[in-house]
Amino acid sequence: GVILLRNNKHDIFSSFASEILEKIMIFSLPVSMYTTLPEYSKKTGLDFDDTYQCLVAKYYQLSIFTMDRGFEKATDDVQVEFFYKRL
């Protein structure tokens, strides 16, 4: 969504969302963990969005699959699979 909207691909995002959202589960950070966001961001140097994703993955014991090298800063806490390493 971030990439599509940044590149003015609003229609593609709308189509994607209508097709995929009914087939996936969306996880969110428990309210009690929001206070851990600033400290984790300082620790890793990640922005808010990436910090949020890491904490959700950590809480639910999930892996992150990404092409964003920024997540290399979080691999001590979260299992991260990088697509660029597979190419």
N, C-alpha and C. Protein backbone atom coordinates (compact mmCIF):
# COMPACT_ATOMS: atom_id res chain seq x y z
N GLY A 1 0.80 -1.19 0.00
CA GLY A 1 0.00 0.00 0.00
C GLY A 1 0.85 1.26 0.00
N VAL A 2 1.87 1.26 0.82
CA VAL A 2 2.75 2.44 0.90
C VAL A 2 3.37 2.73 -0.46
N ILE A 3 3.89 1.70 -1.09
CA ILE A 3 4.57 1.88 -2.39
C ILE A 3 3.58 2.25 -3.48
N LEU A 4 2.44 1.57 -3.51
CA LEU A 4 1.45 1.86 -4.55
C LEU A 4 0.92 3.29 -4.44
N LEU A 5 0.57 3.71 -3.24
CA LEU A 5 0.04 5.06 -3.08
C LEU A 5 1.11 6.11 -3.32
N ARG A 6 2.34 5.82 -2.91
CA ARG A 6 3.44 6.76 -3.16
C ARG A 6 3.64 6.97 -4.65
N ASN A 7 3.35 5.93 -5.44
CA ASN A 7 3.53 6.00 -6.89
C ASN A 7 2.23 6.25 -7.63
N ASN A 8 1.24 6.79 -6.93
CA ASN A 8 -0.06 7.16 -7.52
C ASN A 8 -0.75 6.00 -8.23
N LYS A 9 -0.66 4.82 -7.65
CA LYS A 9 -1.31 3.63 -8.20
C LYS A 9 -2.53 3.28 -7.34
N HIS A 10 -3.37 4.27 -7.13
CA HIS A 10 -4.52 4.12 -6.24
C HIS A 10 -5.48 3.03 -6.70
N ASP A 11 -5.73 2.95 -8.00
CA ASP A 11 -6.65 1.93 -8.52
C ASP A 11 -6.11 0.52 -8.30
N ILE A 12 -4.81 0.35 -8.50
CA ILE A 12 -4.21 -0.96 -8.28
C ILE A 12 -4.32 -1.35 -6.82
N PHE A 13 -4.08 -0.39 -5.92
CA PHE A 13 -4.21 -0.68 -4.49
C PHE A 13 -5.66 -1.06 -4.15
N SER A 14 -6.61 -0.35 -4.69
CA SER A 14 -8.03 -0.66 -4.42
C SER A 14 -8.38 -2.06 -4.88
N SER A 15 -7.93 -2.44 -6.06
CA SER A 15 -8.19 -3.79 -6.57
C SER A 15 -7.53 -4.84 -5.68
N PHE A 16 -6.27 -4.59 -5.34
CA PHE A 16 -5.54 -5.52 -4.48
C PHE A 16 -6.26 -5.69 -3.15
N ALA A 17 -6.62 -4.57 -2.53
CA ALA A 17 -7.26 -4.62 -1.22
C ALA A 17 -8.58 -5.38 -1.28
N SER A 18 -9.39 -5.13 -2.29
CA SER A 18 -10.69 -5.81 -2.36
C SER A 18 -10.53 -7.30 -2.60
N GLU A 19 -9.47 -7.71 -3.29
CA GLU A 19 -9.25 -9.14 -3.54
C GLU A 19 -8.60 -9.86 -2.37
N ILE A 20 -7.68 -9.22 -1.69
CA ILE A 20 -6.85 -9.93 -0.71
C ILE A 20 -7.34 -9.82 0.72
N LEU A 21 -7.96 -8.71 1.09
CA LEU A 21 -8.27 -8.48 2.50
C LEU A 21 -9.22 -9.52 3.09
N GLU A 22 -10.11 -10.06 2.29
CA GLU A 22 -11.01 -11.07 2.83
C GLU A 22 -10.32 -12.42 3.03
N LYS A 23 -9.08 -12.55 2.53
CA LYS A 23 -8.37 -13.81 2.60
C LYS A 23 -7.22 -13.82 3.60
N ILE A 24 -7.02 -12.71 4.29
CA ILE A 24 -5.90 -12.64 5.22
C ILE A 24 -6.37 -12.24 6.61
N MET A 25 -5.48 -12.42 7.57
CA MET A 25 -5.75 -11.99 8.93
C MET A 25 -4.83 -10.81 9.23
N ILE A 26 -5.38 -9.77 9.81
CA ILE A 26 -4.60 -8.59 10.14
C ILE A 26 -4.33 -8.58 11.64
N PHE A 27 -3.05 -8.51 11.99
CA PHE A 27 -2.65 -8.47 13.39
C PHE A 27 -2.34 -7.03 13.78
N SER A 28 -2.66 -6.69 15.00
CA SER A 28 -2.32 -5.36 15.49
C SER A 28 -1.60 -5.50 16.84
N LEU A 29 -0.90 -4.46 17.18
CA LEU A 29 -0.16 -4.43 18.43
C LEU A 29 -1.13 -4.21 19.58
N PRO A 30 -1.02 -5.02 20.63
CA PRO A 30 -1.88 -4.76 21.80
C PRO A 30 -1.63 -3.35 22.34
N VAL A 31 -2.67 -2.70 22.78
CA VAL A 31 -2.58 -1.33 23.27
C VAL A 31 -1.49 -1.19 24.34
N SER A 32 -1.36 -2.17 25.20
CA SER A 32 -0.37 -2.10 26.28
C SER A 32 1.07 -2.05 25.78
N MET A 33 1.30 -2.41 24.53
CA MET A 33 2.67 -2.43 23.99
C MET A 33 3.04 -1.15 23.25
N TYR A 34 2.12 -0.25 23.06
CA TYR A 34 2.43 0.99 22.33
C TYR A 34 3.53 1.80 23.02
N THR A 35 3.61 1.68 24.33
CA THR A 35 4.64 2.43 25.05
C THR A 35 6.04 1.89 24.77
N THR A 36 6.16 0.71 24.19
CA THR A 36 7.47 0.14 23.86
C THR A 36 7.98 0.61 22.50
N LEU A 37 7.12 1.24 21.72
CA LEU A 37 7.51 1.71 20.39
C LEU A 37 8.70 2.68 20.40
N PRO A 38 8.69 3.72 21.22
CA PRO A 38 9.81 4.66 21.17
C PRO A 38 11.16 4.01 21.50
N GLU A 39 11.19 3.18 22.52
CA GLU A 39 12.45 2.56 22.93
C GLU A 39 12.97 1.60 21.85
N TYR A 40 12.06 0.83 21.26
CA TYR A 40 12.47 -0.10 20.20
C TYR A 40 12.95 0.66 18.98
N SER A 41 12.32 1.76 18.67
CA SER A 41 12.75 2.60 17.55
C SER A 41 14.15 3.15 17.79
N LYS A 42 14.40 3.62 19.01
CA LYS A 42 15.74 4.10 19.35
C LYS A 42 16.77 2.99 19.23
N LYS A 43 16.43 1.81 19.72
CA LYS A 43 17.34 0.67 19.72
C LYS A 43 17.73 0.25 18.31
N THR A 44 16.76 0.25 17.40
CA THR A 44 17.00 -0.26 16.05
C THR A 44 17.23 0.82 15.01
N GLY A 45 16.80 2.04 15.30
CA GLY A 45 16.90 3.10 14.32
C GLY A 45 15.82 3.02 13.24
N LEU A 46 14.80 2.22 13.47
CA LEU A 46 13.71 2.06 12.51
C LEU A 46 12.68 3.17 12.68
N ASP A 47 11.96 3.48 11.58
CA ASP A 47 10.89 4.47 11.67
C ASP A 47 9.66 3.82 12.33
N PHE A 48 8.62 4.62 12.50
CA PHE A 48 7.44 4.14 13.21
C PHE A 48 6.84 2.90 12.56
N ASP A 49 6.64 2.93 11.24
CA ASP A 49 5.99 1.81 10.55
C ASP A 49 6.77 0.52 10.72
N ASP A 50 8.08 0.58 10.51
CA ASP A 50 8.90 -0.63 10.61
C ASP A 50 8.99 -1.11 12.06
N THR A 51 9.07 -0.17 12.99
CA THR A 51 9.09 -0.55 14.41
C THR A 51 7.80 -1.26 14.78
N TYR A 52 6.68 -0.72 14.32
CA TYR A 52 5.38 -1.32 14.61
C TYR A 52 5.33 -2.75 14.06
N GLN A 53 5.77 -2.93 12.83
CA GLN A 53 5.76 -4.26 12.22
C GLN A 53 6.64 -5.25 13.00
N CYS A 54 7.80 -4.79 13.43
CA CYS A 54 8.69 -5.66 14.21
C CYS A 54 8.06 -6.08 15.52
N LEU A 55 7.45 -5.13 16.21
CA LEU A 55 6.84 -5.46 17.50
C LEU A 55 5.64 -6.38 17.34
N VAL A 56 4.87 -6.20 16.29
CA VAL A 56 3.75 -7.12 16.03
C VAL A 56 4.30 -8.52 15.75
N ALA A 57 5.32 -8.60 14.91
CA ALA A 57 5.92 -9.90 14.58
C ALA A 57 6.49 -10.56 15.83
N LYS A 58 7.17 -9.79 16.64
CA LYS A 58 7.75 -10.32 17.87
C LYS A 58 6.66 -10.82 18.82
N TYR A 59 5.62 -10.04 19.00
CA TYR A 59 4.53 -10.40 19.92
C TYR A 59 3.83 -11.69 19.50
N TYR A 60 3.54 -11.81 18.21
CA TYR A 60 2.80 -12.98 17.71
C TYR A 60 3.73 -14.10 17.22
N GLN A 61 5.04 -13.92 17.40
CA GLN A 61 6.04 -14.89 16.97
C GLN A 61 5.91 -15.19 15.47
N LEU A 62 5.90 -14.11 14.69
CA LEU A 62 5.79 -14.21 13.24
C LEU A 62 7.11 -13.81 12.60
N SER A 63 7.26 -14.12 11.33
CA SER A 63 8.42 -13.68 10.56
C SER A 63 8.01 -12.52 9.67
N ILE A 64 8.98 -11.72 9.32
CA ILE A 64 8.77 -10.62 8.39
C ILE A 64 9.46 -10.99 7.08
N PHE A 65 8.74 -10.87 5.97
CA PHE A 65 9.29 -11.09 4.63
C PHE A 65 9.33 -9.73 3.95
N THR A 66 10.51 -9.30 3.52
CA THR A 66 10.65 -7.94 3.04
C THR A 66 11.79 -7.78 2.04
N MET A 67 11.76 -6.67 1.34
CA MET A 67 12.88 -6.26 0.49
C MET A 67 13.56 -5.05 1.11
N ASP A 68 13.11 -4.62 2.26
CA ASP A 68 13.61 -3.43 2.95
C ASP A 68 14.81 -3.80 3.82
N ARG A 69 15.98 -3.35 3.41
CA ARG A 69 17.21 -3.66 4.15
C ARG A 69 17.23 -3.04 5.54
N GLY A 70 16.36 -2.08 5.79
CA GLY A 70 16.29 -1.47 7.11
C GLY A 70 16.00 -2.48 8.20
N PHE A 71 15.31 -3.54 7.86
CA PHE A 71 14.96 -4.55 8.86
C PHE A 71 16.17 -5.36 9.32
N GLU A 72 17.32 -5.19 8.67
CA GLU A 72 18.53 -5.86 9.14
C GLU A 72 18.86 -5.44 10.56
N LYS A 73 18.40 -4.27 10.96
CA LYS A 73 18.65 -3.75 12.30
C LYS A 73 17.83 -4.47 13.37
N ALA A 74 16.86 -5.28 12.97
CA ALA A 74 15.95 -5.92 13.92
C ALA A 74 16.11 -7.43 13.97
N THR A 75 17.07 -7.97 13.27
CA THR A 75 17.17 -9.43 13.17
C THR A 75 17.54 -10.11 14.48
N ASP A 76 17.99 -9.36 15.48
CA ASP A 76 18.26 -9.95 16.79
C ASP A 76 16.97 -10.30 17.52
N ASP A 77 15.90 -9.61 17.20
CA ASP A 77 14.63 -9.78 17.91
C ASP A 77 13.55 -10.50 17.11
N VAL A 78 13.64 -10.42 15.79
CA VAL A 78 12.57 -10.91 14.91
C VAL A 78 13.19 -11.72 13.77
N GLN A 79 12.52 -12.78 13.38
CA GLN A 79 12.96 -13.55 12.21
C GLN A 79 12.59 -12.75 10.97
N VAL A 80 13.60 -12.39 10.19
CA VAL A 80 13.37 -11.59 8.98
C VAL A 80 13.93 -12.35 7.79
N GLU A 81 13.11 -12.49 6.76
CA GLU A 81 13.52 -13.11 5.50
C GLU A 81 13.60 -12.01 4.46
N PHE A 82 14.74 -11.88 3.83
CA PHE A 82 14.96 -10.82 2.85
C PHE A 82 14.87 -11.38 1.44
N PHE A 83 13.97 -10.81 0.64
CA PHE A 83 13.80 -11.26 -0.74
C PHE A 83 15.04 -10.99 -1.58
N TYR A 84 15.76 -9.90 -1.31
CA TYR A 84 16.92 -9.56 -2.12
C TYR A 84 18.03 -10.59 -1.95
N LYS A 85 18.05 -11.33 -0.88
CA LYS A 85 19.05 -12.37 -0.67
C LYS A 85 18.71 -13.63 -1.45
N ARG A 86 17.46 -13.73 -1.89
CA ARG A 86 17.00 -14.90 -2.64
C ARG A 86 17.20 -14.74 -4.14
N LEU A 87 17.40 -13.53 -4.59
CA LEU A 87 17.52 -13.26 -6.02
C LEU A 87 18.86 -13.63 -6.56
